[in-house]
Amino acid sequence: MSREIGHRVGAILKADKDNVWLIGYGTYQGDEQPPEEIGLPFPNPKIVLDDESVVWGCECWWGEEDRIKESIAGRQIINVDMTEHRKAKT
């Protein structure tokens, strides 16, 4: 997997044989320190999604956009709003 800053990636929350909970697509921004509410004391992959929201590598399965799309093929996509998902976890 390319970890080149600006590279197109996709992010998945979870998946099973029938469904994929898709967070979205965006760009890898490098490893940065997540905000305190993420609860990780060291740098982590930062992904800025196309809707300008941010997801951290520790919160998802992520990889090159084409490979994520290939892995989804044939399964139902359930879109995930990470803001709501984070609220539900607290």
C-alpha atoms as a PDB file:
ATOM      1  CA  MET A   1       0.000   0.000   0.000  1.00  0.00           C
ATOM      2  CA  SER A   2       1.265   3.427  -0.906  1.00  0.00           C
ATOM      3  CA  ARG A   3       1.614   5.812   2.020  1.00  0.00           C
ATOM      4  CA  GLU A   4       2.347   8.791  -0.178  1.00  0.00           C
ATOM      5  CA  ILE A   5       0.755  11.987   1.111  1.00  0.00           C
ATOM      6  CA  GLY A   6      -2.154  12.967  -1.115  1.00  0.00           C
ATOM      7  CA  HIS A   7      -2.714   9.384  -2.339  1.00  0.00           C
ATOM      8  CA  ARG A   8      -6.386   8.426  -2.850  1.00  0.00           C
ATOM      9  CA  VAL A   9      -7.657   5.961  -0.242  1.00  0.00           C
ATOM     10  CA  GLY A  10     -10.868   4.440   1.028  1.00  0.00           C
ATOM     11  CA  ALA A  11     -11.923   3.759   4.610  1.00  0.00           C
ATOM     12  CA  ILE A  12     -14.147   0.938   5.873  1.00  0.00           C
ATOM     13  CA  LEU A  13     -15.492   0.654   9.415  1.00  0.00           C
ATOM     14  CA  LYS A  14     -16.296  -3.057   9.151  1.00  0.00           C
ATOM     15  CA  ALA A  15     -17.493  -5.690   6.721  1.00  0.00           C
ATOM     16  CA  ASP A  16     -19.109  -9.087   6.586  1.00  0.00           C
ATOM     17  CA  LYS A  17     -19.860 -11.425   3.685  1.00  0.00           C
ATOM     18  CA  ASP A  18     -22.942  -9.417   2.634  1.00  0.00           C
ATOM     19  CA  ASN A  19     -22.314  -5.824   3.766  1.00  0.00           C
ATOM     20  CA  VAL A  20     -19.608  -3.182   3.937  1.00  0.00           C
ATOM     21  CA  TRP A  21     -19.892  -0.259   6.352  1.00  0.00           C
ATOM     22  CA  LEU A  22     -18.158   2.381   4.233  1.00  0.00           C
ATOM     23  CA  ILE A  23     -16.821   5.538   5.838  1.00  0.00           C
ATOM     24  CA  GLY A  24     -15.809   7.032   2.491  1.00  0.00           C
ATOM     25  CA  TYR A  25     -13.010   7.993   0.125  1.00  0.00           C
ATOM     26  CA  GLY A  26     -10.426  10.719   0.430  1.00  0.00           C
ATOM     27  CA  THR A  27      -6.695  11.342   0.681  1.00  0.00           C
ATOM     28  CA  TYR A  28      -3.986  10.141   3.022  1.00  0.00           C
ATOM     29  CA  GLN A  29      -2.434  13.165   4.768  1.00  0.00           C
ATOM     30  CA  GLY A  30       0.456  11.506   6.558  1.00  0.00           C
ATOM     31  CA  ASP A  31       0.773  10.437  10.160  1.00  0.00           C
ATOM     32  CA  GLU A  32      -0.334  13.073  12.663  1.00  0.00           C
ATOM     33  CA  GLN A  33      -1.305  13.213  16.313  1.00  0.00           C
ATOM     34  CA  PRO A  34      -5.075  12.579  16.610  1.00  0.00           C
ATOM     35  CA  PRO A  35      -7.150  14.882  18.813  1.00  0.00           C
ATOM     36  CA  GLU A  36      -7.409  13.913  22.465  1.00  0.00           C
ATOM     37  CA  GLU A  37     -10.959  12.528  22.101  1.00  0.00           C
ATOM     38  CA  ILE A  38      -9.643   9.776  19.781  1.00  0.00           C
ATOM     39  CA  GLY A  39      -7.610   8.517  22.719  1.00  0.00           C
ATOM     40  CA  LEU A  40      -4.379   7.633  20.975  1.00  0.00           C
ATOM     41  CA  PRO A  41      -1.133   8.997  22.454  1.00  0.00           C
ATOM     42  CA  PHE A  42       0.954   8.698  19.267  1.00  0.00           C
ATOM     43  CA  PRO A  43       0.760   9.735  15.586  1.00  0.00           C
ATOM     44  CA  ASN A  44      -1.648   7.826  13.358  1.00  0.00           C
ATOM     45  CA  PRO A  45      -2.596   7.884   9.675  1.00  0.00           C
ATOM     46  CA  LYS A  46      -4.852  10.864   8.974  1.00  0.00           C
ATOM     47  CA  ILE A  47      -7.378  10.549   6.150  1.00  0.00           C
ATOM     48  CA  VAL A  48      -9.304  13.590   4.948  1.00  0.00           C
ATOM     49  CA  LEU A  49     -12.456  12.375   3.257  1.00  0.00           C
ATOM     50  CA  ASP A  50     -14.027  13.989   0.203  1.00  0.00           C
ATOM     51  CA  ASP A  51     -16.656  15.604   2.458  1.00  0.00           C
ATOM     52  CA  GLU A  52     -13.729  17.197   4.389  1.00  0.00           C
ATOM     53  CA  SER A  53     -14.317  15.135   7.532  1.00  0.00           C
ATOM     54  CA  VAL A  54     -11.373  13.289   9.079  1.00  0.00           C
ATOM     55  CA  VAL A  55     -10.992   9.632   9.966  1.00  0.00           C
ATOM     56  CA  TRP A  56      -7.919   8.177  11.654  1.00  0.00           C
ATOM     57  CA  GLY A  57      -6.228   4.929  10.687  1.00  0.00           C
ATOM     58  CA  CYS A  58      -6.909   3.476  14.141  1.00  0.00           C
ATOM     59  CA  GLU A  59     -10.653   3.852  13.541  1.00  0.00           C
ATOM     60  CA  CYS A  60     -10.927   1.905  10.303  1.00  0.00           C
ATOM     61  CA  TRP A  61      -9.561  -0.448   7.701  1.00  0.00           C
ATOM     62  CA  TRP A  62      -8.095   1.699   4.968  1.00  0.00           C
ATOM     63  CA  GLY A  63      -6.148   1.320   1.770  1.00  0.00           C
ATOM     64  CA  GLU A  64      -5.756   2.388  -1.819  1.00  0.00           C
ATOM     65  CA  GLU A  65      -9.069   3.515  -3.311  1.00  0.00           C
ATOM     66  CA  ASP A  66      -9.045   0.969  -6.160  1.00  0.00           C
ATOM     67  CA  ARG A  67      -8.357  -1.926  -3.789  1.00  0.00           C
ATOM     68  CA  ILE A  68     -11.110  -0.826  -1.403  1.00  0.00           C
ATOM     69  CA  LYS A  69     -13.574  -0.638  -4.309  1.00  0.00           C
ATOM     70  CA  GLU A  70     -12.528  -4.129  -5.439  1.00  0.00           C
ATOM     71  CA  SER A  71     -13.056  -5.505  -1.936  1.00  0.00           C
ATOM     72  CA  ILE A  72     -16.583  -4.055  -1.804  1.00  0.00           C
ATOM     73  CA  ALA A  73     -17.733  -5.551  -5.126  1.00  0.00           C
ATOM     74  CA  GLY A  74     -20.960  -7.520  -4.812  1.00  0.00           C
ATOM     75  CA  ARG A  75     -21.766  -6.425  -1.272  1.00  0.00           C
ATOM     76  CA  GLN A  76     -24.299  -3.919  -0.018  1.00  0.00           C
ATOM     77  CA  ILE A  77     -22.779  -0.593   1.049  1.00  0.00           C
ATOM     78  CA  ILE A  78     -23.909   0.944   4.317  1.00  0.00           C
ATOM     79  CA  ASN A  79     -22.609   4.510   4.609  1.00  0.00           C
ATOM     80  CA  VAL A  80     -21.175   5.459   7.996  1.00  0.00           C
ATOM     81  CA  ASP A  81     -21.121   8.964   9.444  1.00  0.00           C
ATOM     82  CA  MET A  82     -18.068   8.936  11.719  1.00  0.00           C
ATOM     83  CA  THR A  83     -19.316  11.893  13.768  1.00  0.00           C
ATOM     84  CA  GLU A  84     -22.433   9.917  14.684  1.00  0.00           C
ATOM     85  CA  HIS A  85     -20.450   6.707  15.134  1.00  0.00           C
ATOM     86  CA  ARG A  86     -18.068   8.402  17.572  1.00  0.00           C
ATOM     87  CA  LYS A  87     -20.998   9.869  19.538  1.00  0.00           C
ATOM     88  CA  ALA A  88     -22.620   6.433  19.818  1.00  0.00           C
ATOM     89  CA  LYS A  89     -19.387   4.967  21.238  1.00  0.00           C
ATOM     90  CA  THR A  90     -19.271   7.398  24.165  1.00  0.00           C
END
